[in-house]
Amino acid sequence: MTQVVVGQNESIESALRRFKRQVSKAGIFADIKRLRHYETPIEKRKRKALARRKKRFR
């Protein structure tokens, strides 16, 4: 769960910017986009194979 505590003299805009940065680093938007539509078993296998290839080269 991503949480941002707003400081005493901190503006809402800067806190919102921090929140967006934390959400993008956590990968929450990617998960939401992925879970929005049904994923066929073939698409799931392709996605996992691509992730394995990316992980191997790091």
C-alpha atoms as a PDB file:
ATOM      1  CA  MET A   1       0.000   0.000   0.000  1.00  0.00           C
ATOM      2  CA  THR A   2       1.443   3.329  -1.045  1.00  0.00           C
ATOM      3  CA  GLN A   3       1.124   6.104   1.492  1.00  0.00           C
ATOM      4  CA  VAL A   4       2.306   9.716   1.561  1.00  0.00           C
ATOM      5  CA  VAL A   5       2.317  11.848   4.681  1.00  0.00           C
ATOM      6  CA  VAL A   6       1.934  15.564   3.941  1.00  0.00           C
ATOM      7  CA  GLY A   7       4.359  17.704   5.914  1.00  0.00           C
ATOM      8  CA  GLN A   8       3.526  20.852   7.860  1.00  0.00           C
ATOM      9  CA  ASN A   9       4.607  23.361   5.183  1.00  0.00           C
ATOM     10  CA  GLU A  10       4.313  21.059   2.166  1.00  0.00           C
ATOM     11  CA  SER A  11       1.940  21.876  -0.663  1.00  0.00           C
ATOM     12  CA  ILE A  12      -0.648  19.405  -1.903  1.00  0.00           C
ATOM     13  CA  GLU A  13       0.906  19.513  -5.387  1.00  0.00           C
ATOM     14  CA  SER A  14       4.298  18.311  -4.169  1.00  0.00           C
ATOM     15  CA  ALA A  15       2.692  15.575  -2.067  1.00  0.00           C
ATOM     16  CA  LEU A  16       0.667  14.464  -5.088  1.00  0.00           C
ATOM     17  CA  ARG A  17       3.843  14.391  -7.189  1.00  0.00           C
ATOM     18  CA  ARG A  18       5.549  12.206  -4.536  1.00  0.00           C
ATOM     19  CA  PHE A  19       2.517   9.905  -4.435  1.00  0.00           C
ATOM     20  CA  LYS A  20       2.500   9.485  -8.228  1.00  0.00           C
ATOM     21  CA  ARG A  21       6.218   8.702  -8.206  1.00  0.00           C
ATOM     22  CA  GLN A  22       5.777   6.045  -5.505  1.00  0.00           C
ATOM     23  CA  VAL A  23       2.836   4.468  -7.344  1.00  0.00           C
ATOM     24  CA  SER A  24       4.794   4.274 -10.600  1.00  0.00           C
ATOM     25  CA  LYS A  25       7.825   2.743  -8.857  1.00  0.00           C
ATOM     26  CA  ALA A  26       5.612   0.135  -7.178  1.00  0.00           C
ATOM     27  CA  GLY A  27       4.141  -0.862 -10.546  1.00  0.00           C
ATOM     28  CA  ILE A  28       0.527  -0.413  -9.482  1.00  0.00           C
ATOM     29  CA  PHE A  29      -0.615   1.188 -12.759  1.00  0.00           C
ATOM     30  CA  ALA A  30       0.891  -1.658 -14.785  1.00  0.00           C
ATOM     31  CA  ASP A  31      -0.983  -4.200 -12.676  1.00  0.00           C
ATOM     32  CA  ILE A  32      -4.255  -2.324 -13.043  1.00  0.00           C
ATOM     33  CA  LYS A  33      -3.870  -2.096 -16.813  1.00  0.00           C
ATOM     34  CA  ARG A  34      -2.976  -5.794 -17.006  1.00  0.00           C
ATOM     35  CA  LEU A  35      -5.937  -6.889 -14.875  1.00  0.00           C
ATOM     36  CA  ARG A  36      -8.454  -4.635 -16.621  1.00  0.00           C
ATOM     37  CA  HIS A  37      -9.122  -7.121 -19.450  1.00  0.00           C
ATOM     38  CA  TYR A  38      -9.187 -10.912 -19.634  1.00  0.00           C
ATOM     39  CA  GLU A  39      -5.838 -12.389 -20.533  1.00  0.00           C
ATOM     40  CA  THR A  40      -5.864 -15.616 -22.552  1.00  0.00           C
ATOM     41  CA  PRO A  41      -3.522 -18.435 -21.522  1.00  0.00           C
ATOM     42  CA  ILE A  42      -1.383 -17.832 -24.629  1.00  0.00           C
ATOM     43  CA  GLU A  43      -0.999 -14.125 -23.760  1.00  0.00           C
ATOM     44  CA  LYS A  44      -0.107 -15.065 -20.185  1.00  0.00           C
ATOM     45  CA  ARG A  45       2.617 -17.477 -21.376  1.00  0.00           C
ATOM     46  CA  LYS A  46       4.042 -14.849 -23.736  1.00  0.00           C
ATOM     47  CA  ARG A  47       4.109 -12.220 -20.984  1.00  0.00           C
ATOM     48  CA  LYS A  48       5.836 -14.565 -18.544  1.00  0.00           C
ATOM     49  CA  ALA A  49       8.392 -15.668 -21.153  1.00  0.00           C
ATOM     50  CA  LEU A  50       9.192 -12.043 -21.940  1.00  0.00           C
ATOM     51  CA  ALA A  51       9.614 -11.293 -18.228  1.00  0.00           C
ATOM     52  CA  ARG A  52      11.986 -14.272 -17.860  1.00  0.00           C
ATOM     53  CA  ARG A  53      14.071 -13.046 -20.803  1.00  0.00           C
ATOM     54  CA  LYS A  54      14.248  -9.515 -19.387  1.00  0.00           C
ATOM     55  CA  LYS A  55      15.189 -10.818 -15.938  1.00  0.00           C
ATOM     56  CA  ARG A  56      17.960 -13.014 -17.373  1.00  0.00           C
ATOM     57  CA  PHE A  57      19.718 -10.102 -19.076  1.00  0.00           C
ATOM     58  CA  ARG A  58      19.810  -7.887 -16.001  1.00  0.00           C
END
